[in-house]
Amino acid sequence: MDRRIASLPLLLWIMALAGCAALQSDADPVVVRAQQARSFAFLTFDTFLKFEYDNRAMLAGAPEIHAAAENIRENGPRWIDEVTNLITVYKANRTPESRANLATGLAVLNTALIMAERYLAEAKQRKG
C-alpha cells in the first residue's frame, strides 16, 4: 500500500486535533475554519483522485467510484476556488449575507468531501 495512503488516517487525526485547537484571540473562526476546510478538501480530493487513477484497472467493476472521481476532477477545482473567493468576500465585508454565502459554499465542498472519503474507503477496501 502506498505510504501516503497508509498515513492518511494519521494525517486526518492530526488535522482534526488542529481543528479543535484554540484559535488566536484575533483570529476570525469563520475564516480559519473555512481555510482549514478548503485545505482538507484539496488534500482529500488529491488523495482520492490519485488512488482512483493508479488503480483504474482494479476498480473497473466499480463504475460509481470512477464516476465520483470524474465529478471531482471536473468540479473540484471550481468548488475550491469558489470557497476561496467567498472567504475573500467575507474577509472584506463581514456581513451576515457574506457569512451565509460562505457557509453555502462550504456545504457544497463538504458534500463532495464526504463523497470522496466514502469512495476512497470503498476503493481501498476493494484493493484489499
N, C-alpha and C. Protein backbone atom coordinates (compact mmCIF):
# COMPACT_ATOMS: atom_id res chain seq x y z
N MET A 1 0.85 -1.18 0.00
CA MET A 1 0.00 0.00 0.00
C MET A 1 0.89 1.24 0.00
N ASP A 2 0.52 2.23 -0.76
CA ASP A 2 1.25 3.48 -0.85
C ASP A 2 1.34 4.10 0.55
N ARG A 3 2.53 4.54 0.93
CA ARG A 3 2.72 5.10 2.28
C ARG A 3 1.85 6.33 2.51
N ARG A 4 1.63 7.13 1.45
CA ARG A 4 0.79 8.32 1.63
C ARG A 4 -0.65 7.91 1.94
N ILE A 5 -1.13 6.86 1.27
CA ILE A 5 -2.48 6.38 1.54
C ILE A 5 -2.54 5.79 2.94
N ALA A 6 -1.52 5.02 3.29
CA ALA A 6 -1.49 4.38 4.60
C ALA A 6 -1.44 5.41 5.72
N SER A 7 -0.79 6.56 5.48
CA SER A 7 -0.67 7.57 6.53
C SER A 7 -1.86 8.53 6.56
N LEU A 8 -2.80 8.38 5.64
CA LEU A 8 -3.95 9.29 5.59
C LEU A 8 -4.73 9.31 6.91
N PRO A 9 -5.04 8.16 7.55
CA PRO A 9 -5.78 8.24 8.82
C PRO A 9 -5.03 9.05 9.88
N LEU A 10 -3.70 8.91 9.93
CA LEU A 10 -2.92 9.69 10.89
C LEU A 10 -3.01 11.18 10.57
N LEU A 11 -2.88 11.50 9.30
CA LEU A 11 -2.97 12.89 8.89
C LEU A 11 -4.34 13.48 9.21
N LEU A 12 -5.39 12.72 8.96
CA LEU A 12 -6.74 13.19 9.26
C LEU A 12 -6.91 13.42 10.75
N TRP A 13 -6.33 12.54 11.56
CA TRP A 13 -6.41 12.67 13.01
C TRP A 13 -5.69 13.94 13.46
N ILE A 14 -4.50 14.19 12.90
CA ILE A 14 -3.73 15.39 13.26
C ILE A 14 -4.51 16.65 12.87
N MET A 15 -5.11 16.61 11.66
CA MET A 15 -5.88 17.78 11.22
C MET A 15 -7.11 18.00 12.09
N ALA A 16 -7.71 16.90 12.54
CA ALA A 16 -8.87 17.04 13.42
C ALA A 16 -8.47 17.69 14.73
N LEU A 17 -7.32 17.29 15.27
CA LEU A 17 -6.83 17.91 16.51
C LEU A 17 -6.53 19.38 16.30
N ALA A 18 -5.92 19.69 15.18
CA ALA A 18 -5.62 21.10 14.88
C ALA A 18 -6.90 21.90 14.74
N GLY A 19 -7.93 21.28 14.19
CA GLY A 19 -9.22 21.95 14.03
C GLY A 19 -9.88 22.24 15.36
N CYS A 20 -9.56 21.44 16.37
CA CYS A 20 -10.14 21.64 17.69
C CYS A 20 -9.29 22.56 18.55
N ALA A 21 -8.10 22.90 18.07
CA ALA A 21 -7.20 23.75 18.84
C ALA A 21 -7.80 25.14 19.01
N ALA A 22 -7.38 25.79 20.07
CA ALA A 22 -7.84 27.15 20.32
C ALA A 22 -7.28 28.08 19.24
N LEU A 23 -8.09 29.01 18.83
CA LEU A 23 -7.67 29.99 17.84
C LEU A 23 -6.96 31.14 18.54
N GLN A 24 -6.12 31.83 17.78
CA GLN A 24 -5.52 33.04 18.32
C GLN A 24 -6.64 34.02 18.62
N SER A 25 -6.44 34.85 19.60
CA SER A 25 -7.52 35.74 20.05
C SER A 25 -7.99 36.69 18.95
N ASP A 26 -7.12 37.04 18.01
CA ASP A 26 -7.52 37.97 16.96
C ASP A 26 -8.00 37.27 15.69
N ALA A 27 -8.03 35.95 15.70
CA ALA A 27 -8.43 35.18 14.51
C ALA A 27 -9.96 35.10 14.42
N ASP A 28 -10.44 35.19 13.22
CA ASP A 28 -11.87 35.04 12.97
C ASP A 28 -12.13 33.55 12.75
N PRO A 29 -12.88 32.91 13.63
CA PRO A 29 -13.09 31.47 13.50
C PRO A 29 -13.77 31.07 12.19
N VAL A 30 -14.60 31.93 11.65
CA VAL A 30 -15.26 31.63 10.38
C VAL A 30 -14.21 31.49 9.28
N VAL A 31 -13.27 32.42 9.24
CA VAL A 31 -12.22 32.40 8.21
C VAL A 31 -11.28 31.22 8.43
N VAL A 32 -10.85 31.02 9.65
CA VAL A 32 -9.90 29.94 9.95
C VAL A 32 -10.51 28.59 9.61
N ARG A 33 -11.72 28.35 10.03
CA ARG A 33 -12.37 27.05 9.76
C ARG A 33 -12.62 26.86 8.26
N ALA A 34 -12.96 27.93 7.57
CA ALA A 34 -13.17 27.83 6.12
C ALA A 34 -11.86 27.51 5.41
N GLN A 35 -10.78 28.14 5.84
CA GLN A 35 -9.47 27.85 5.24
C GLN A 35 -9.04 26.41 5.53
N GLN A 36 -9.31 25.95 6.74
CA GLN A 36 -8.99 24.56 7.08
C GLN A 36 -9.81 23.59 6.23
N ALA A 37 -11.08 23.87 6.07
CA ALA A 37 -11.94 23.00 5.27
C ALA A 37 -11.47 22.96 3.82
N ARG A 38 -11.11 24.11 3.30
CA ARG A 38 -10.62 24.18 1.91
C ARG A 38 -9.35 23.35 1.75
N SER A 39 -8.42 23.48 2.67
CA SER A 39 -7.16 22.73 2.61
C SER A 39 -7.41 21.23 2.74
N PHE A 40 -8.29 20.87 3.65
CA PHE A 40 -8.61 19.46 3.88
C PHE A 40 -9.29 18.86 2.64
N ALA A 41 -10.19 19.61 2.02
CA ALA A 41 -10.86 19.12 0.82
C ALA A 41 -9.84 18.91 -0.30
N PHE A 42 -8.94 19.86 -0.48
CA PHE A 42 -7.92 19.73 -1.53
C PHE A 42 -7.10 18.47 -1.31
N LEU A 43 -6.64 18.25 -0.08
CA LEU A 43 -5.83 17.08 0.23
C LEU A 43 -6.61 15.79 0.00
N THR A 44 -7.85 15.76 0.43
CA THR A 44 -8.67 14.56 0.27
C THR A 44 -8.98 14.30 -1.20
N PHE A 45 -9.34 15.33 -1.93
CA PHE A 45 -9.60 15.16 -3.37
C PHE A 45 -8.35 14.61 -4.07
N ASP A 46 -7.21 15.21 -3.77
CA ASP A 46 -5.97 14.77 -4.40
C ASP A 46 -5.67 13.30 -4.09
N THR A 47 -5.83 12.91 -2.86
CA THR A 47 -5.58 11.52 -2.45
C THR A 47 -6.53 10.57 -3.15
N PHE A 48 -7.81 10.90 -3.16
CA PHE A 48 -8.81 10.05 -3.81
C PHE A 48 -8.55 9.94 -5.30
N LEU A 49 -8.31 11.06 -5.96
CA LEU A 49 -8.13 11.05 -7.41
C LEU A 49 -6.87 10.29 -7.81
N LYS A 50 -5.80 10.45 -7.04
CA LYS A 50 -4.58 9.70 -7.34
C LYS A 50 -4.81 8.21 -7.15
N PHE A 51 -5.46 7.83 -6.06
CA PHE A 51 -5.71 6.41 -5.80
C PHE A 51 -6.58 5.82 -6.90
N GLU A 52 -7.63 6.53 -7.27
CA GLU A 52 -8.53 6.04 -8.33
C GLU A 52 -7.78 5.91 -9.65
N TYR A 53 -6.97 6.88 -9.98
CA TYR A 53 -6.22 6.85 -11.24
C TYR A 53 -5.22 5.69 -11.26
N ASP A 54 -4.49 5.53 -10.16
CA ASP A 54 -3.47 4.48 -10.08
C ASP A 54 -4.07 3.08 -10.04
N ASN A 55 -5.35 2.96 -9.73
CA ASN A 55 -5.98 1.65 -9.56
C ASN A 55 -7.19 1.46 -10.48
N ARG A 56 -7.22 2.13 -11.61
CA ARG A 56 -8.37 2.06 -12.51
C ARG A 56 -8.68 0.64 -12.96
N ALA A 57 -7.67 -0.12 -13.29
CA ALA A 57 -7.92 -1.49 -13.76
C ALA A 57 -8.60 -2.31 -12.67
N MET A 58 -8.11 -2.20 -11.45
CA MET A 58 -8.69 -2.95 -10.34
C MET A 58 -10.10 -2.45 -10.02
N LEU A 59 -10.37 -1.18 -10.26
CA LEU A 59 -11.67 -0.59 -9.93
C LEU A 59 -12.65 -0.61 -11.10
N ALA A 60 -12.31 -1.33 -12.17
CA ALA A 60 -13.17 -1.37 -13.36
C ALA A 60 -14.57 -1.87 -13.05
N GLY A 61 -14.70 -2.71 -12.06
CA GLY A 61 -16.02 -3.24 -11.68
C GLY A 61 -16.80 -2.33 -10.76
N ALA A 62 -16.29 -1.11 -10.53
CA ALA A 62 -16.95 -0.16 -9.64
C ALA A 62 -17.12 1.18 -10.37
N PRO A 63 -18.05 1.23 -11.32
CA PRO A 63 -18.20 2.45 -12.11
C PRO A 63 -18.60 3.67 -11.27
N GLU A 64 -19.23 3.45 -10.13
CA GLU A 64 -19.63 4.57 -9.29
C GLU A 64 -18.41 5.28 -8.70
N ILE A 65 -17.34 4.54 -8.45
CA ILE A 65 -16.11 5.17 -7.94
C ILE A 65 -15.49 6.03 -9.03
N HIS A 66 -15.43 5.49 -10.24
CA HIS A 66 -14.88 6.26 -11.36
C HIS A 66 -15.75 7.50 -11.62
N ALA A 67 -17.07 7.35 -11.57
CA ALA A 67 -17.96 8.49 -11.81
C ALA A 67 -17.76 9.58 -10.75
N ALA A 68 -17.59 9.17 -9.49
CA ALA A 68 -17.34 10.14 -8.43
C ALA A 68 -16.02 10.86 -8.66
N ALA A 69 -14.99 10.11 -9.06
CA ALA A 69 -13.69 10.72 -9.33
C ALA A 69 -13.79 11.71 -10.49
N GLU A 70 -14.50 11.33 -11.54
CA GLU A 70 -14.66 12.24 -12.68
C GLU A 70 -15.43 13.50 -12.28
N ASN A 71 -16.42 13.36 -11.43
CA ASN A 71 -17.18 14.51 -10.94
C ASN A 71 -16.26 15.47 -10.19
N ILE A 72 -15.40 14.92 -9.34
CA ILE A 72 -14.48 15.76 -8.58
C ILE A 72 -13.42 16.36 -9.50
N ARG A 73 -12.94 15.58 -10.47
CA ARG A 73 -11.96 16.14 -11.43
C ARG A 73 -12.54 17.33 -12.17
N GLU A 74 -13.80 17.21 -12.54
CA GLU A 74 -14.46 18.27 -13.31
C GLU A 74 -14.83 19.47 -12.45
N ASN A 75 -15.35 19.22 -11.26
CA ASN A 75 -15.92 20.30 -10.45
C ASN A 75 -15.10 20.70 -9.23
N GLY A 76 -14.24 19.82 -8.75
CA GLY A 76 -13.48 20.09 -7.53
C GLY A 76 -12.72 21.41 -7.55
N PRO A 77 -11.95 21.68 -8.62
CA PRO A 77 -11.23 22.97 -8.64
C PRO A 77 -12.16 24.17 -8.55
N ARG A 78 -13.30 24.09 -9.20
CA ARG A 78 -14.28 25.19 -9.15
C ARG A 78 -14.84 25.35 -7.74
N TRP A 79 -15.15 24.21 -7.08
CA TRP A 79 -15.68 24.28 -5.71
C TRP A 79 -14.66 24.91 -4.76
N ILE A 80 -13.40 24.50 -4.90
CA ILE A 80 -12.35 25.05 -4.03
C ILE A 80 -12.13 26.53 -4.34
N ASP A 81 -12.09 26.89 -5.62
CA ASP A 81 -11.94 28.29 -6.00
C ASP A 81 -13.10 29.14 -5.48
N GLU A 82 -14.29 28.59 -5.55
CA GLU A 82 -15.48 29.32 -5.07
C GLU A 82 -15.36 29.61 -3.58
N VAL A 83 -14.94 28.62 -2.81
CA VAL A 83 -14.77 28.84 -1.37
C VAL A 83 -13.67 29.87 -1.13
N THR A 84 -12.60 29.80 -1.88
CA THR A 84 -11.53 30.80 -1.76
C THR A 84 -12.07 32.20 -2.02
N ASN A 85 -12.85 32.36 -3.06
CA ASN A 85 -13.46 33.66 -3.37
C ASN A 85 -14.42 34.10 -2.29
N LEU A 86 -15.20 33.18 -1.77
CA LEU A 86 -16.16 33.51 -0.71
C LEU A 86 -15.45 33.91 0.58
N ILE A 87 -14.32 33.30 0.86
CA ILE A 87 -13.51 33.71 2.02
C ILE A 87 -13.04 35.15 1.83
N THR A 88 -12.54 35.45 0.64
CA THR A 88 -12.06 36.80 0.34
C THR A 88 -13.18 37.83 0.50
N VAL A 89 -14.35 37.50 -0.03
CA VAL A 89 -15.50 38.41 0.09
C VAL A 89 -15.89 38.59 1.55
N TYR A 90 -15.92 37.49 2.30
CA TYR A 90 -16.30 37.58 3.71
C TYR A 90 -15.30 38.42 4.50
N LYS A 91 -14.00 38.23 4.22
CA LYS A 91 -12.97 38.99 4.93
C LYS A 91 -13.08 40.49 4.64
N ALA A 92 -13.49 40.83 3.43
CA ALA A 92 -13.63 42.25 3.05
C ALA A 92 -14.91 42.87 3.57
N ASN A 93 -15.93 42.05 3.79
CA ASN A 93 -17.25 42.56 4.17
C ASN A 93 -17.94 41.52 5.04
N ARG A 94 -17.71 41.56 6.32
CA ARG A 94 -18.20 40.53 7.25
C ARG A 94 -19.66 40.78 7.63
N THR A 95 -20.52 40.54 6.65
CA THR A 95 -21.95 40.71 6.86
C THR A 95 -22.59 39.33 7.05
N PRO A 96 -23.79 39.31 7.59
CA PRO A 96 -24.50 38.03 7.68
C PRO A 96 -24.69 37.37 6.31
N GLU A 97 -24.91 38.19 5.28
CA GLU A 97 -25.10 37.64 3.94
C GLU A 97 -23.82 36.98 3.41
N SER A 98 -22.66 37.64 3.59
CA SER A 98 -21.42 37.04 3.09
C SER A 98 -21.06 35.80 3.91
N ARG A 99 -21.41 35.81 5.18
CA ARG A 99 -21.18 34.62 6.02
C ARG A 99 -22.07 33.47 5.56
N ALA A 100 -23.32 33.76 5.24
CA ALA A 100 -24.25 32.73 4.76
C ALA A 100 -23.79 32.18 3.41
N ASN A 101 -23.31 33.05 2.54
CA ASN A 101 -22.80 32.59 1.24
C ASN A 101 -21.59 31.68 1.43
N LEU A 102 -20.71 32.04 2.35
CA LEU A 102 -19.55 31.21 2.64
C LEU A 102 -20.00 29.86 3.20
N ALA A 103 -20.98 29.87 4.08
CA ALA A 103 -21.50 28.62 4.64
C ALA A 103 -22.09 27.73 3.55
N THR A 104 -22.76 28.33 2.58
CA THR A 104 -23.32 27.56 1.46
C THR A 104 -22.20 26.95 0.63
N GLY A 105 -21.18 27.74 0.32
CA GLY A 105 -20.05 27.22 -0.44
C GLY A 105 -19.35 26.09 0.29
N LEU A 106 -19.20 26.23 1.60
CA LEU A 106 -18.58 25.17 2.41
C LEU A 106 -19.45 23.92 2.45
N ALA A 107 -20.76 24.09 2.45
CA ALA A 107 -21.65 22.93 2.44
C ALA A 107 -21.48 22.12 1.15
N VAL A 108 -21.37 22.81 0.03
CA VAL A 108 -21.13 22.13 -1.25
C VAL A 108 -19.80 21.39 -1.20
N LEU A 109 -18.76 22.07 -0.72
CA LEU A 109 -17.44 21.45 -0.63
C LEU A 109 -17.47 20.26 0.32
N ASN A 110 -18.16 20.40 1.43
CA ASN A 110 -18.24 19.31 2.41
C ASN A 110 -18.96 18.10 1.84
N THR A 111 -20.00 18.32 1.06
CA THR A 111 -20.72 17.20 0.43
C THR A 111 -19.78 16.42 -0.50
N ALA A 112 -18.99 17.15 -1.27
CA ALA A 112 -18.02 16.50 -2.16
C ALA A 112 -16.93 15.81 -1.36
N LEU A 113 -16.52 16.40 -0.26
CA LEU A 113 -15.51 15.80 0.60
C LEU A 113 -16.00 14.47 1.18
N ILE A 114 -17.23 14.45 1.64
CA ILE A 114 -17.81 13.21 2.18
C ILE A 114 -17.86 12.14 1.09
N MET A 115 -18.24 12.54 -0.13
CA MET A 115 -18.28 11.60 -1.25
C MET A 115 -16.88 11.04 -1.52
N ALA A 116 -15.88 11.91 -1.56
CA ALA A 116 -14.51 11.47 -1.83
C ALA A 116 -14.02 10.52 -0.74
N GLU A 117 -14.29 10.85 0.51
CA GLU A 117 -13.88 9.98 1.61
C GLU A 117 -14.57 8.61 1.51
N ARG A 118 -15.84 8.62 1.21
CA ARG A 118 -16.61 7.37 1.11
C ARG A 118 -16.05 6.48 0.01
N TYR A 119 -15.85 7.06 -1.18
CA TYR A 119 -15.38 6.26 -2.30
C TYR A 119 -13.90 5.89 -2.17
N LEU A 120 -13.11 6.71 -1.51
CA LEU A 120 -11.72 6.33 -1.24
C LEU A 120 -11.69 5.11 -0.33
N ALA A 121 -12.50 5.13 0.72
CA ALA A 121 -12.54 3.98 1.64
C ALA A 121 -13.02 2.73 0.91
N GLU A 122 -14.05 2.88 0.08
CA GLU A 122 -14.56 1.73 -0.69
C GLU A 122 -13.51 1.22 -1.66
N ALA A 123 -12.80 2.11 -2.32
CA ALA A 123 -11.76 1.71 -3.28
C ALA A 123 -10.62 0.99 -2.57
N LYS A 124 -10.21 1.52 -1.42
CA LYS A 124 -9.14 0.88 -0.65
C LYS A 124 -9.57 -0.50 -0.17
N GLN A 125 -10.85 -0.64 0.20
CA GLN A 125 -11.35 -1.93 0.66
C GLN A 125 -11.34 -2.92 -0.49
N ARG A 126 -11.70 -2.49 -1.68
CA ARG A 126 -11.68 -3.38 -2.84
C ARG A 126 -10.26 -3.85 -3.17
N LYS A 127 -9.31 -2.94 -2.94
CA LYS A 127 -7.92 -3.27 -3.23
C LYS A 127 -7.41 -4.30 -2.23
N GLY A 128 -7.92 -4.19 -1.02
CA GLY A 128 -7.54 -5.17 0.00
C GLY A 128 -6.46 -4.76 0.85
